[in-house]
Structures are given as structure tokens and as C-alpha cells.
Amino acid sequence: MISKNRLYIVYSALSFLGVSILLFVIFSRLLAYFETPVVTVSSIQNNSIDNFYQPSFNWGTLKNEGRKMEKHSLEKITDDYFGSFYEHSKYLSQGNSAGIKDHFTKNSRKKVEMASLSSSFDQTVRKVAYTTLSHELDLKLYSDDGTVIVFDDIQTNYHQLFENDELVAGYYDTARFEVMLLLEDNFWRVRHKIRSATDFKVESVSKDTLNDYISVRGKQFIYKDQAFKSKGINYYPAKYPWEDFWPNFDKIPLKKDFSLIAKAGFNTIRVFVPYQQFGGSEIDEAHLINLVKMLDLAEDHDLKVIVTLFDFFLDYSVDKWTLSDRHAETVVTRLRNHPAILSWDIKNEPDLDFKNHGEDIVKEWLKFMAMSVKKYDPNHLVTIGWSAPEYITTLDASVDYYSLHFYKDPSDLGSYLQKEFSKPLILEETGQHSFNAWWYPFRKSKEDQTQYISEILDVITQYELSYTFWTLYDFQHIPDNVVGTVHWRKGIQKNFGLINKRNKQKPAFELIKEYNLNNKSSR
């Protein structure tokens, strides 16, 4: 039997140990608290603003009648000034005025509130969405004491007006404003902002007429003064489709694949830039470098590339437009001089987002992004890849050629193509799976796949279409965000390839190869 003295000793030791651990935890947390830097309200607001609002801007000359502009002051002025737009936008759309006090002086704040309640908008409109897209800033005065700044701002704005949550109007507005900011409580607040002129055109990149780009003449693509027909394939490597591609980028299999594609008579590949994976508005430089490497390999094999932007992008709201714009600006300006580029495809199958996000909302975003991409790169063509044939000519003014995805009965394709088109059309996705599980009632064989593609090629010949088939490889793995988790859906998507999982070419591959090689184009 253990004596009472021993029990007392053990109990005392355990108690001492417990109290010591408790004191250690408390001390550690206090130390961490006092060592943590203070985060001000303004820094929290600026971080949140960057997640929602990043308009393009450019300060012209900083010479002025006052003091020399310091770099840190200019950064603070810019952040606070753009913060005023973000908070004003929230106030208009949500009625949330919490941030107005930080970014407008007392008198200016009253004007903002009055303007928001005035009759400048129709009283039946229940909601206003608003953002600025670009700012050309020209410094006029920075006071000697560093508390006043005056500048001109040529800004491009976009407004959406809603009634009962339905978009009733959307319009752009470009104007010059005379702006005065005052430094109060470490905030640069808007004191005056007066509209002084309208209809200013912000300059875009000038068109390059010296280099050879694929262009459009009537219903034909033209390359080096000859008719060009795209004979293409949508591309992912066999092991790493969709979201697995860019994190596992490897030039060696790509070089082998591109050689195979070129030898099979293809002259075009279509690739995808996933918005979130590439970093959204803050582009992942490593992914962008790999995209350039892929384009270099394509050029080495005499392949043109359709670059599909904004893959798996779902946020079309106006307050996020500037983030989309920064994404497009970075990608497009980096690649716009690459000789492998055929065109920019703004978004893959955006009509699938109509139901959840609103058809008019999605279309407005598409028009904006097409305009932005053309601003950053006026030399290459722009298109939109629609999943449904009825949308082929949707947003006609925003695209240089039409893109159609088609997986229905080949006999139905001709009925969609009988109408008169004013621009060239690419059958951007088409094909047939060979998923042959015994339990699946709609299973298809390799022979079914070949027959389907044969019939599609007949239509391609009849209407002299350009095309990019889906896809080169059968895949071992399909990410859940592509077609969901249902087994048969994944089974179908895994088996659209022209080359099977054992790296054996299916009969459909040989059929398309023969067609490609027997139908020469300018390349």
C-alpha cells in the first residue's frame, strides 16, 4: 500500500507542474500580444480594398508649384484617394457609409450623401453598382507644409443600374475631375472633386503593322497574305489535366507532345489560363514564366496558340472588375508580342454561368474584358467560346471571330451553320468520348468515336470550318471542379482523348491526322 506521505508528494509535484504549465501559457500569450505590431484601421481597410478594387492608374509629371513629392507620400495619397472610390461605391450599392468619414472631409461628405439621394438616378432604380476602371493623374500642387494636394484625374467609370435586382442599364463614363485632398488625422480626405470636362479618350497600345499577325478578312483568317485555316487540338498533357497542369509544368513531355501534334498535321493548340490558380489580380510569376515557355515550344513546332483566359472564373460583380482588369493586363501585355499567339479567348463557355450569375451581368463583364484585352493588345484577335450554338453571334461587336463548342448529333451541326455569318467561325471544341463501362447505358466504343468524328469532318469540309478537337489524351484523373464527383461523368470526361491511357493512338487520331495532312493551309 502506498503511504499517505508518498501520495502527498506525488500530488504536490503534479500540482506544481500543472501551475507551471498554466503560467507558461499565460506568459507566452502576453508576450506574443505585446510583440505583435499595432494594425491601424486604415491598413486593414487598404488590405481589404486590394482584395476588391485595383484600378489602373498613372501619375504624370510630379513637378508642381509646391514641394517635391516624396515616394511614401505619393503611395499614401494614392491609397487613400482610391479608398474614397471604394467606400463611395459601397455607399451607393449597399448604403454602407462607415468608410465615408475616413475618406471625405465634413463638407465633402455632405455632398456625397446628397448626391446619392438626389434625383440623378431614376427613383425606380433600387440599386446602383459603380466602379472606376482607370485614372490618369496629373499633379498641380503639393503644399509646402505637405497637407494639401491638388491634381487632375481623367477617370473612366462604369455604372450599372438595377430595378428589382434586374440590370436595366450599364454605361461607361470618361471625364476629367479637378481634385483637392487634405491631410487630416493621417488620412488624405477628399475636399473638392469637380467635374471639368468629358469625353476624354485614354490612349491604348498602338497597333503594330510591321509584324505578321493572323487577321480577319471577311469570313476568312489571313496569315502572311494567305488564307489560314486552324486545324487544332485542345491541349493538356496526359498526366496533368486542368488544375494539375501548371503546378506540374514540365517542358520535356510538352516538347514530345507538340512534336506529335505537328507531325499529325495540326497547326493550332488551345490552352487555358485558370484565373485563381494564376493568382487573380496578383499574377503568379512562376506560372506566367511557364506559360511563356509553353508558347516558345509551340513556336518551335510551328504551332499557333489560342489562349483561353479566365478559366474557372465566377465573380462578375462590378466591384471586382478592376481585379479582372489587372489580371488581363498582366497576362496580355506580357504575351502580346509572342509570335505563337493566334488569339485571345476571353472565357470558356460563359453561357453556363448565365443561370447562377445572371445573363446580362455576365455579358456586361464579357464586353468589358474584350474591350480591355483589345486595349492591351490591339494586334491579336479576340473571341468567346460559347457552349451553346444559339449564342454563336452573341456580343458580335466585341469579338473578331465566332467560336462554337459542339457535342450533339453531327447532323444537327449543319442546321446551326446554315445562317449567314459575317465573321470567320472556329469549331473550337468538338469530339466524342469512348467511355465503355458495361454498366453505363450510353457507353461508346472507339468505333463510335471514329464514326462521330468522321461525320463532324464532313460538316467541317462542307462549311470550310476551322477547328480544334477535344482533346489529345485520355486522362487518368479528373479534378472534382471540372464535372463534379459523379463517377460516370468523370468516366466520360476521361475518355475524350485521341490517345488512350496506354499511350496508344485510337482510330480517330489516324482519321484526323489523315484529314489534316490532306487539307493543306498556309502553314
Protein backbone atom coordinates (compact mmCIF):
# COMPACT_ATOMS: atom_id res chain seq x y z
CA MET A 1 0.00 0.00 0.00
CA ILE A 2 1.31 3.44 -0.94
CA SER A 3 1.84 5.60 2.13
CA LYS A 4 -0.01 8.88 2.62
CA ASN A 5 3.29 10.78 2.54
CA ARG A 6 4.12 9.40 -0.91
CA LEU A 7 0.65 10.26 -2.21
CA TYR A 8 1.05 13.78 -0.87
CA ILE A 9 4.44 14.15 -2.56
CA VAL A 10 3.08 12.93 -5.93
CA TYR A 11 0.04 15.19 -5.65
CA SER A 12 2.22 18.21 -4.80
CA ALA A 13 4.55 17.52 -7.72
CA LEU A 14 1.68 17.20 -10.21
CA SER A 15 0.06 20.37 -8.87
CA PHE A 16 3.32 22.30 -9.19
CA LEU A 17 3.79 21.02 -12.75
CA GLY A 18 0.23 21.99 -13.73
CA VAL A 19 0.53 25.51 -12.33
CA SER A 20 3.91 25.94 -14.07
CA ILE A 21 2.43 24.93 -17.45
CA LEU A 22 -0.52 27.29 -16.95
CA LEU A 23 1.77 30.21 -16.07
CA PHE A 24 3.97 29.42 -19.07
CA VAL A 25 0.99 29.50 -21.45
CA ILE A 26 -0.30 32.78 -19.98
CA PHE A 27 3.15 34.41 -20.16
CA SER A 28 3.66 33.23 -23.76
CA ARG A 29 0.36 34.69 -24.88
CA LEU A 30 1.05 38.00 -23.13
CA LEU A 31 4.48 38.17 -24.77
CA ALA A 32 3.01 37.44 -28.19
CA TYR A 33 0.36 40.09 -27.65
CA PHE A 34 2.83 42.83 -26.73
CA GLU A 35 5.24 41.88 -29.55
CA THR A 36 2.51 41.96 -32.21
CA PRO A 37 2.71 45.22 -34.21
CA VAL A 38 -0.28 47.52 -33.97
CA VAL A 39 -2.50 47.34 -37.08
CA THR A 40 -4.39 50.56 -37.76
CA VAL A 41 -7.89 50.78 -39.16
CA SER A 42 -6.54 52.37 -42.32
CA SER A 43 -4.13 49.50 -43.00
CA ILE A 44 -6.91 46.97 -42.54
CA GLN A 45 -9.06 48.97 -44.94
CA ASN A 46 -6.30 49.22 -47.51
CA ASN A 47 -5.68 45.46 -47.38
CA SER A 48 -9.38 44.80 -47.87
CA ILE A 49 -9.54 47.30 -50.72
CA ASP A 50 -6.77 45.46 -52.56
CA ASN A 51 -8.93 42.35 -52.44
CA PHE A 52 -11.78 44.14 -54.23
CA TYR A 53 -10.53 47.19 -56.07
CA GLN A 54 -7.35 47.75 -58.09
CA PRO A 55 -7.96 50.28 -60.87
CA SER A 56 -5.18 51.02 -63.33
CA PHE A 57 -3.55 54.39 -62.74
CA ASN A 58 -0.68 56.54 -63.91
CA TRP A 59 0.80 59.62 -62.35
CA GLY A 60 2.16 62.01 -64.97
CA THR A 61 4.81 64.54 -64.11
CA LEU A 62 5.15 65.20 -60.38
CA LYS A 63 6.62 68.68 -60.87
CA ASN A 64 4.44 71.33 -59.24
CA GLU A 65 4.46 74.80 -57.69
CA GLY A 66 4.86 73.45 -54.16
CA ARG A 67 7.23 70.98 -52.51
CA LYS A 68 8.85 67.93 -54.06
CA MET A 69 6.63 64.87 -53.85
CA GLU A 70 8.03 62.12 -51.63
CA LYS A 71 7.61 58.49 -52.72
CA HIS A 72 5.98 57.36 -49.45
CA SER A 73 3.60 60.35 -49.52
CA LEU A 74 2.55 59.59 -53.10
CA GLU A 75 1.81 55.97 -52.15
CA LYS A 76 -0.29 57.08 -49.19
CA ILE A 77 -2.13 59.68 -51.29
CA THR A 78 -2.89 57.12 -53.98
CA ASP A 79 -4.12 54.50 -51.49
CA ASP A 80 -6.37 56.93 -49.64
CA TYR A 81 -7.73 58.50 -52.82
CA PHE A 82 -8.66 55.14 -54.30
CA GLY A 83 -10.09 54.18 -50.94
CA SER A 84 -12.57 57.03 -51.36
CA PHE A 85 -13.89 55.45 -54.55
CA TYR A 86 -14.20 52.04 -52.95
CA GLU A 87 -16.12 53.42 -49.96
CA HIS A 88 -18.29 55.59 -52.20
CA SER A 89 -19.14 52.53 -54.28
CA LYS A 90 -20.12 50.60 -51.14
CA TYR A 91 -22.27 53.51 -50.03
CA LEU A 92 -24.10 53.64 -53.37
CA SER A 93 -24.69 49.90 -53.67
CA GLN A 94 -25.14 48.86 -50.04
CA GLY A 95 -25.96 52.06 -48.15
CA ASN A 96 -22.87 51.40 -46.00
CA SER A 97 -21.43 54.81 -45.07
CA ALA A 98 -18.95 53.59 -42.44
CA GLY A 99 -15.90 54.36 -44.57
CA ILE A 100 -17.13 57.69 -45.95
CA LYS A 101 -15.93 59.58 -42.87
CA ASP A 102 -12.35 58.37 -43.33
CA HIS A 103 -12.10 59.43 -46.97
CA PHE A 104 -14.11 62.67 -47.27
CA THR A 105 -13.95 65.91 -45.30
CA LYS A 106 -17.08 67.04 -43.46
CA ASN A 107 -18.36 69.37 -46.21
CA SER A 108 -17.44 66.97 -48.99
CA ARG A 109 -19.14 64.12 -47.11
CA LYS A 110 -22.41 66.04 -47.14
CA LYS A 111 -22.16 66.46 -50.92
CA VAL A 112 -21.58 62.73 -51.36
CA GLU A 113 -24.60 61.90 -49.23
CA MET A 114 -26.79 64.46 -51.01
CA ALA A 115 -25.70 63.29 -54.45
CA SER A 116 -26.54 59.72 -53.53
CA LEU A 117 -30.06 60.76 -52.51
CA SER A 118 -30.63 63.18 -55.38
CA SER A 119 -32.69 62.63 -58.49
CA SER A 120 -29.62 61.93 -60.63
CA PHE A 121 -30.84 58.34 -60.75
CA ASP A 122 -34.39 57.35 -61.57
CA GLN A 123 -36.29 56.82 -58.35
CA THR A 124 -37.48 53.38 -59.51
CA VAL A 125 -33.89 52.14 -59.50
CA ARG A 126 -33.32 50.20 -56.33
CA LYS A 127 -29.59 49.57 -56.62
CA VAL A 128 -26.53 51.18 -58.14
CA ALA A 129 -23.26 49.36 -58.79
CA TYR A 130 -20.29 51.52 -59.69
CA THR A 131 -16.53 51.31 -60.10
CA THR A 132 -13.70 53.31 -61.61
CA LEU A 133 -11.55 51.43 -64.10
CA SER A 134 -8.63 53.74 -64.85
CA HIS A 135 -7.11 57.02 -63.69
CA GLU A 136 -4.67 59.35 -65.45
CA LEU A 137 -3.42 61.64 -62.67
CA ASP A 138 -1.63 64.97 -63.19
CA LEU A 139 -0.20 66.75 -60.12
CA LYS A 140 -0.83 70.52 -59.92
CA LEU A 141 0.10 71.44 -56.36
CA TYR A 142 1.64 69.80 -53.28
CA SER A 143 1.66 72.39 -50.49
CA ASP A 144 4.86 73.33 -48.70
CA ASP A 145 3.55 72.00 -45.41
CA GLY A 146 2.58 68.65 -47.01
CA THR A 147 -1.11 68.83 -46.06
CA VAL A 148 -2.78 69.81 -49.34
CA ILE A 149 -2.58 68.25 -52.79
CA VAL A 150 -4.33 69.35 -55.97
CA PHE A 151 -4.39 67.28 -59.16
CA ASP A 152 -6.40 66.47 -62.27
CA ASP A 153 -7.86 62.99 -62.72
CA ILE A 154 -9.05 61.73 -66.09
CA GLN A 155 -11.02 58.73 -64.98
CA THR A 156 -13.06 56.05 -66.70
CA ASN A 157 -16.06 54.83 -64.71
CA TYR A 158 -18.63 52.12 -65.18
CA HIS A 159 -22.15 52.18 -63.72
CA GLN A 160 -24.88 49.55 -63.50
CA LEU A 161 -28.46 50.42 -62.56
CA PHE A 162 -30.78 47.74 -61.19
CA GLU A 163 -34.51 47.55 -60.64
CA ASN A 164 -35.79 44.67 -58.55
CA ASP A 165 -32.35 43.06 -58.88
CA GLU A 166 -32.61 43.12 -62.67
CA LEU A 167 -29.98 45.02 -64.64
CA VAL A 168 -31.74 47.81 -66.53
CA ALA A 169 -28.76 49.86 -67.73
CA GLY A 170 -25.00 49.78 -67.88
CA TYR A 171 -22.80 52.59 -69.18
CA TYR A 172 -19.24 53.93 -69.26
CA ASP A 173 -18.30 57.48 -68.42
CA THR A 174 -14.92 59.16 -69.01
CA ALA A 175 -14.31 62.65 -67.63
CA ARG A 176 -11.70 64.98 -66.14
CA PHE A 177 -12.01 65.98 -62.49
CA GLU A 178 -10.19 68.67 -60.54
CA VAL A 179 -9.41 67.16 -57.12
CA MET A 180 -8.21 68.56 -53.80
CA LEU A 181 -7.20 66.34 -50.89
CA LEU A 182 -6.49 67.46 -47.31
CA LEU A 183 -4.37 65.53 -44.81
CA GLU A 184 -6.44 65.07 -41.63
CA ASP A 185 -5.73 62.57 -38.84
CA ASN A 186 -3.25 60.77 -41.13
CA PHE A 187 -5.92 60.39 -43.84
CA TRP A 188 -5.86 62.12 -47.19
CA ARG A 189 -9.51 63.12 -47.45
CA VAL A 190 -11.34 64.43 -50.50
CA ARG A 191 -12.12 68.13 -50.01
CA HIS A 192 -13.21 69.03 -53.56
CA LYS A 193 -13.82 66.98 -56.69
CA ILE A 194 -15.23 69.00 -59.55
CA ARG A 195 -16.05 67.64 -62.98
CA SER A 196 -14.40 69.93 -65.51
CA ALA A 197 -14.67 68.17 -68.87
CA THR A 198 -15.93 64.99 -70.53
CA ASP A 199 -15.26 62.59 -73.37
CA PHE A 200 -11.55 62.10 -72.91
CA LYS A 201 -10.08 59.07 -74.65
CA VAL A 202 -7.44 57.18 -72.69
CA GLU A 203 -4.76 56.03 -75.09
CA SER A 204 -4.23 52.31 -75.70
CA VAL A 205 -1.27 50.43 -77.10
CA SER A 206 -0.71 51.39 -80.74
CA LYS A 207 -1.33 48.80 -83.42
CA ASP A 208 1.75 47.12 -84.88
CA THR A 209 1.69 46.96 -88.67
CA LEU A 210 5.20 45.62 -89.15
CA ASN A 211 4.90 42.08 -87.78
CA ASP A 212 2.80 39.21 -89.11
CA TYR A 213 -0.38 38.51 -87.14
CA ILE A 214 -3.37 36.41 -88.03
CA SER A 215 -6.13 38.79 -89.09
CA VAL A 216 -9.65 38.59 -90.46
CA ARG A 217 -10.75 39.45 -93.96
CA GLY A 218 -14.44 38.87 -94.49
CA LYS A 219 -15.14 35.28 -93.43
CA GLN A 220 -11.51 34.15 -93.67
CA PHE A 221 -8.50 34.16 -91.40
CA ILE A 222 -5.45 35.67 -93.11
CA TYR A 223 -1.81 34.92 -92.30
CA LYS A 224 1.04 36.35 -94.34
CA ASP A 225 -1.44 37.43 -97.03
CA GLN A 226 -2.83 33.91 -97.43
CA ALA A 227 -5.99 32.21 -96.19
CA PHE A 228 -5.36 30.44 -92.91
CA LYS A 229 -7.39 27.51 -91.59
CA SER A 230 -6.95 26.46 -87.97
CA LYS A 231 -6.52 22.70 -87.62
CA GLY A 232 -6.21 22.33 -83.91
CA ILE A 233 -6.43 20.36 -80.71
CA ASN A 234 -7.34 21.41 -77.16
CA TYR A 235 -4.33 20.53 -75.06
CA TYR A 236 -3.49 19.20 -71.63
CA PRO A 237 -0.64 16.76 -71.00
CA ALA A 238 -1.70 13.14 -70.34
CA LYS A 239 -0.77 13.06 -66.64
CA TYR A 240 -1.77 16.56 -65.58
CA PRO A 241 -5.04 17.99 -66.95
CA TRP A 242 -6.81 21.12 -65.70
CA GLU A 243 -5.64 22.36 -62.28
CA ASP A 244 -2.83 19.78 -62.18
CA PHE A 245 -1.14 21.18 -65.30
CA TRP A 246 0.60 24.37 -64.19
CA PRO A 247 1.88 23.17 -60.77
CA ASN A 248 3.43 20.18 -62.57
CA PHE A 249 4.66 22.04 -65.65
CA ASP A 250 7.39 20.10 -67.44
CA LYS A 251 8.88 21.07 -70.81
CA ILE A 252 10.01 17.52 -71.66
CA PRO A 253 6.55 15.91 -72.19
CA LEU A 254 5.30 19.13 -73.81
CA LYS A 255 8.10 19.06 -76.36
CA LYS A 256 7.27 15.45 -77.18
CA ASP A 257 3.53 16.19 -77.40
CA PHE A 258 3.97 19.26 -79.59
CA SER A 259 6.17 17.28 -81.97
CA LEU A 260 3.45 14.61 -82.20
CA ILE A 261 0.75 17.25 -82.75
CA ALA A 262 2.70 18.97 -85.52
CA LYS A 263 3.52 15.69 -87.29
CA ALA A 264 -0.20 14.82 -87.24
CA GLY A 265 -0.89 17.92 -89.34
CA PHE A 266 -2.26 20.16 -86.60
CA ASN A 267 -1.23 23.81 -86.75
CA THR A 268 -3.02 25.12 -83.64
CA ILE A 269 -3.41 24.28 -79.96
CA ARG A 270 -5.84 25.78 -77.46
CA VAL A 271 -4.70 26.19 -73.85
CA PHE A 272 -6.25 27.56 -70.66
CA VAL A 273 -5.20 30.12 -68.05
CA PRO A 274 -7.06 29.40 -64.76
CA TYR A 275 -7.82 32.71 -63.05
CA GLN A 276 -7.42 31.78 -59.39
CA GLN A 277 -4.51 29.42 -59.91
CA PHE A 278 -2.60 32.13 -61.78
CA GLY A 279 -3.08 34.45 -58.80
CA GLY A 280 -6.12 36.52 -59.76
CA SER A 281 -5.13 40.19 -59.83
CA GLU A 282 -1.68 39.35 -58.42
CA ILE A 283 -0.25 37.07 -61.10
CA ASP A 284 1.97 34.17 -60.04
CA GLU A 285 5.21 34.94 -61.86
CA ALA A 286 6.28 31.29 -61.96
CA HIS A 287 3.10 30.27 -63.79
CA LEU A 288 3.46 33.18 -66.22
CA ILE A 289 7.05 32.19 -66.99
CA ASN A 290 5.90 28.63 -67.69
CA LEU A 291 3.17 29.93 -69.99
CA VAL A 292 5.83 31.80 -71.97
CA LYS A 293 7.94 28.62 -72.11
CA MET A 294 4.96 26.73 -73.49
CA LEU A 295 4.43 29.39 -76.16
CA ASP A 296 8.12 29.16 -77.05
CA LEU A 297 7.78 25.40 -77.54
CA ALA A 298 4.69 25.93 -79.68
CA GLU A 299 6.57 28.39 -81.87
CA ASP A 300 9.45 25.90 -82.19
CA HIS A 301 6.95 23.41 -83.65
CA ASP A 302 5.22 25.96 -85.90
CA LEU A 303 2.02 25.86 -83.84
CA LYS A 304 -0.28 28.80 -83.23
CA VAL A 305 -1.95 29.11 -79.80
CA ILE A 306 -5.44 30.16 -78.77
CA VAL A 307 -5.04 31.34 -75.18
CA THR A 308 -8.27 30.99 -73.18
CA LEU A 309 -8.30 33.45 -70.30
CA PHE A 310 -10.32 33.45 -67.06
CA ASP A 311 -10.82 29.71 -66.82
CA PHE A 312 -12.89 28.78 -63.74
CA PHE A 313 -13.69 32.44 -63.11
CA LEU A 314 -17.07 33.08 -61.47
CA ASP A 315 -17.19 36.59 -59.96
CA TYR A 316 -18.71 39.01 -62.48
CA SER A 317 -19.78 41.71 -59.99
CA VAL A 318 -18.82 45.27 -60.85
CA ASP A 319 -16.84 45.84 -57.67
CA LYS A 320 -14.41 43.11 -58.81
CA TRP A 321 -13.98 44.32 -62.39
CA THR A 322 -10.70 46.07 -61.63
CA LEU A 323 -9.25 42.78 -60.36
CA SER A 324 -10.16 41.09 -63.65
CA ASP A 325 -8.62 44.03 -65.47
CA ARG A 326 -5.30 43.75 -63.59
CA HIS A 327 -5.21 40.01 -64.35
CA ALA A 328 -5.79 40.56 -68.06
CA GLU A 329 -3.37 43.47 -68.22
CA THR A 330 -0.52 41.45 -66.74
CA VAL A 331 -1.05 38.32 -68.83
CA VAL A 332 -1.85 40.03 -72.12
CA THR A 333 0.85 42.70 -72.01
CA ARG A 334 3.47 40.06 -71.17
CA LEU A 335 2.46 37.83 -74.09
CA ARG A 336 1.17 40.26 -76.71
CA ASN A 337 4.39 40.25 -78.74
CA HIS A 338 4.83 36.49 -78.75
CA PRO A 339 4.77 35.13 -82.33
CA ALA A 340 2.89 31.95 -81.33
CA ILE A 341 -0.30 33.77 -80.26
CA LEU A 342 -3.24 33.26 -82.60
CA SER A 343 -5.94 34.86 -80.47
CA TRP A 344 -7.36 35.51 -77.02
CA ASP A 345 -10.45 33.59 -75.95
CA ILE A 346 -11.95 35.72 -73.19
CA LYS A 347 -13.77 32.94 -71.31
CA ASN A 348 -14.57 29.28 -71.77
CA GLU A 349 -18.33 28.64 -72.04
CA PRO A 350 -19.56 31.69 -70.11
CA ASP A 351 -23.16 30.92 -71.07
CA LEU A 352 -23.05 28.11 -68.48
CA ASP A 353 -22.85 30.87 -65.85
CA PHE A 354 -25.98 32.70 -67.02
CA LYS A 355 -28.33 30.85 -64.68
CA ASN A 356 -26.37 31.43 -61.47
CA HIS A 357 -24.93 34.85 -62.14
CA GLY A 358 -27.41 36.50 -64.49
CA GLU A 359 -27.17 36.63 -68.27
CA ASP A 360 -26.93 40.41 -68.52
CA ILE A 361 -24.34 40.62 -65.74
CA VAL A 362 -22.10 38.04 -67.42
CA LYS A 363 -22.47 39.69 -70.84
CA GLU A 364 -21.53 43.11 -69.45
CA TRP A 365 -18.38 41.64 -67.94
CA LEU A 366 -17.51 39.88 -71.21
CA LYS A 367 -17.89 43.12 -73.17
CA PHE A 368 -15.67 44.92 -70.68
CA MET A 369 -12.96 42.25 -70.76
CA ALA A 370 -12.98 42.05 -74.57
CA MET A 371 -12.52 45.82 -74.65
CA SER A 372 -9.70 45.63 -72.10
CA VAL A 373 -7.84 42.85 -73.89
CA LYS A 374 -8.04 44.78 -77.17
CA LYS A 375 -6.71 47.84 -75.38
CA TYR A 376 -3.70 45.91 -74.07
CA ASP A 377 -3.16 44.04 -77.33
CA PRO A 378 -4.72 45.54 -80.47
CA ASN A 379 -2.82 43.16 -82.76
CA HIS A 380 -4.33 39.77 -81.92
CA LEU A 381 -7.85 38.54 -82.45
CA VAL A 382 -10.43 38.19 -79.66
CA THR A 383 -13.20 35.61 -79.34
CA ILE A 384 -15.53 33.99 -76.78
CA GLY A 385 -16.02 30.22 -76.63
CA TRP A 386 -19.76 29.53 -76.32
CA SER A 387 -21.07 26.13 -75.27
CA ALA A 388 -24.48 26.51 -76.94
CA PRO A 389 -24.90 27.18 -80.69
CA GLU A 390 -27.62 29.78 -80.15
CA TYR A 391 -25.03 32.13 -78.65
CA ILE A 392 -22.60 31.99 -81.62
CA THR A 393 -23.16 35.63 -82.61
CA THR A 394 -23.80 36.96 -79.12
CA LEU A 395 -21.73 40.09 -78.41
CA ASP A 396 -20.90 40.33 -82.10
CA ALA A 397 -19.32 43.76 -81.74
CA SER A 398 -16.91 42.52 -79.05
CA VAL A 399 -15.29 39.63 -80.99
CA ASP A 400 -13.25 39.29 -84.17
CA TYR A 401 -14.47 35.78 -84.92
CA TYR A 402 -17.04 33.33 -83.58
CA SER A 403 -16.27 30.22 -81.52
CA LEU A 404 -18.62 27.29 -81.13
CA HIS A 405 -18.46 24.19 -78.91
CA PHE A 406 -20.49 21.27 -80.21
CA TYR A 407 -21.03 17.74 -78.83
CA LYS A 408 -24.51 16.97 -80.17
CA ASP A 409 -25.53 14.88 -83.15
CA PRO A 410 -23.35 15.87 -86.16
CA SER A 411 -26.44 16.06 -88.35
CA ASP A 412 -27.64 18.98 -86.19
CA LEU A 413 -24.45 20.99 -86.66
CA GLY A 414 -25.25 21.93 -90.24
CA SER A 415 -28.57 23.45 -89.22
CA TYR A 416 -26.75 25.95 -87.00
CA LEU A 417 -24.25 26.78 -89.72
CA GLN A 418 -26.76 27.49 -92.46
CA LYS A 419 -27.30 31.05 -91.29
CA GLU A 420 -25.15 33.78 -92.79
CA PHE A 421 -22.16 34.74 -90.62
CA SER A 422 -20.31 38.00 -91.09
CA LYS A 423 -17.10 36.73 -89.50
CA PRO A 424 -15.00 33.55 -89.51
CA LEU A 425 -16.09 30.73 -87.21
CA ILE A 426 -13.99 28.14 -85.39
CA LEU A 427 -15.47 24.88 -84.16
CA GLU A 428 -13.44 25.40 -81.00
CA GLU A 429 -14.45 22.21 -79.18
CA THR A 430 -15.96 19.02 -80.56
CA GLY A 431 -15.44 15.31 -80.13
CA GLN A 432 -16.83 12.07 -78.79
CA HIS A 433 -15.91 10.03 -75.73
CA SER A 434 -15.16 6.30 -75.79
CA PHE A 435 -16.26 5.53 -72.23
CA ASN A 436 -17.28 1.86 -72.49
CA ALA A 437 -18.18 0.69 -68.96
CA TRP A 438 -20.56 -2.30 -69.15
CA TRP A 439 -22.97 -0.75 -66.64
CA TYR A 440 -23.27 2.62 -68.41
CA PRO A 441 -26.32 2.62 -70.76
CA PHE A 442 -24.89 5.32 -73.07
CA ARG A 443 -21.44 3.83 -73.42
CA LYS A 444 -19.43 4.48 -76.57
CA SER A 445 -16.68 2.50 -78.25
CA LYS A 446 -13.58 3.60 -80.16
CA GLU A 447 -15.53 2.84 -83.32
CA ASP A 448 -18.37 5.13 -82.19
CA GLN A 449 -15.83 7.87 -81.57
CA THR A 450 -14.33 7.45 -85.04
CA GLN A 451 -17.75 7.48 -86.70
CA TYR A 452 -18.78 10.65 -84.86
CA ILE A 453 -15.59 12.48 -85.81
CA SER A 454 -15.92 11.29 -89.42
CA GLU A 455 -19.35 12.89 -89.60
CA ILE A 456 -18.07 16.08 -87.96
CA LEU A 457 -15.26 16.25 -90.52
CA ASP A 458 -17.86 16.03 -93.30
CA VAL A 459 -19.55 19.14 -91.88
CA ILE A 460 -16.17 20.86 -91.46
CA THR A 461 -15.45 20.19 -95.12
CA GLN A 462 -18.86 21.36 -96.28
CA TYR A 463 -18.63 24.69 -94.43
CA GLU A 464 -14.82 25.09 -94.67
CA LEU A 465 -14.55 25.45 -90.91
CA SER A 466 -11.52 25.92 -88.74
CA TYR A 467 -11.50 23.53 -85.79
CA THR A 468 -9.82 22.46 -82.55
CA PHE A 469 -10.85 18.99 -81.37
CA TRP A 470 -11.29 17.95 -77.75
CA THR A 471 -8.78 16.50 -76.80
CA LEU A 472 -5.39 14.84 -77.34
CA TYR A 473 -5.29 12.39 -74.39
CA ASP A 474 -7.50 10.20 -72.27
CA PHE A 475 -6.88 11.16 -68.64
CA GLN A 476 -6.29 9.05 -65.54
CA HIS A 477 -7.60 11.74 -63.20
CA ILE A 478 -10.26 14.46 -63.49
CA PRO A 479 -10.38 17.15 -60.74
CA ASP A 480 -13.74 17.39 -58.97
CA ASN A 481 -14.26 21.01 -60.02
CA VAL A 482 -14.44 20.02 -63.71
CA VAL A 483 -17.52 17.78 -63.86
CA GLY A 484 -18.24 17.05 -60.20
CA THR A 485 -17.76 13.79 -58.31
CA VAL A 486 -20.27 11.56 -60.13
CA HIS A 487 -18.37 8.51 -61.39
CA TRP A 488 -19.94 8.23 -64.82
CA ARG A 489 -19.44 11.94 -65.55
CA LYS A 490 -15.77 11.60 -64.74
CA GLY A 491 -15.61 8.41 -66.80
CA ILE A 492 -16.93 10.22 -69.86
CA GLN A 493 -14.58 13.18 -69.44
CA LYS A 494 -11.59 10.88 -69.01
CA ASN A 495 -12.17 9.21 -72.37
CA PHE A 496 -12.47 12.02 -74.92
CA GLY A 497 -8.84 11.67 -75.99
CA LEU A 498 -7.46 10.61 -79.36
CA ILE A 499 -4.74 8.71 -77.50
CA ASN A 500 -5.67 6.22 -74.76
CA LYS A 501 -4.28 5.77 -71.26
CA ARG A 502 -1.72 3.24 -72.54
CA ASN A 503 -0.43 5.91 -74.93
CA LYS A 504 -1.88 4.09 -77.95
CA GLN A 505 -3.39 6.14 -80.75
CA LYS A 506 -7.06 5.46 -81.31
CA PRO A 507 -8.51 5.09 -84.83
CA ALA A 508 -9.92 8.63 -84.52
CA PHE A 509 -6.39 10.00 -84.22
CA GLU A 510 -5.39 8.42 -87.52
CA LEU A 511 -8.59 9.71 -89.14
CA ILE A 512 -7.95 13.32 -88.11
CA LYS A 513 -4.26 13.06 -88.96
CA GLU A 514 -5.09 11.93 -92.49
CA TYR A 515 -7.65 14.72 -92.83
CA ASN A 516 -5.17 17.34 -91.59
CA LEU A 517 -2.42 16.26 -93.94
CA ASN A 518 -4.73 16.10 -96.94
CA ASN A 519 -6.13 19.58 -96.32
CA LYS A 520 -3.23 21.95 -96.58
CA SER A 521 -3.39 25.53 -95.36
CA SER A 522 -0.96 28.42 -95.41
CA ARG A 523 1.13 26.75 -92.70
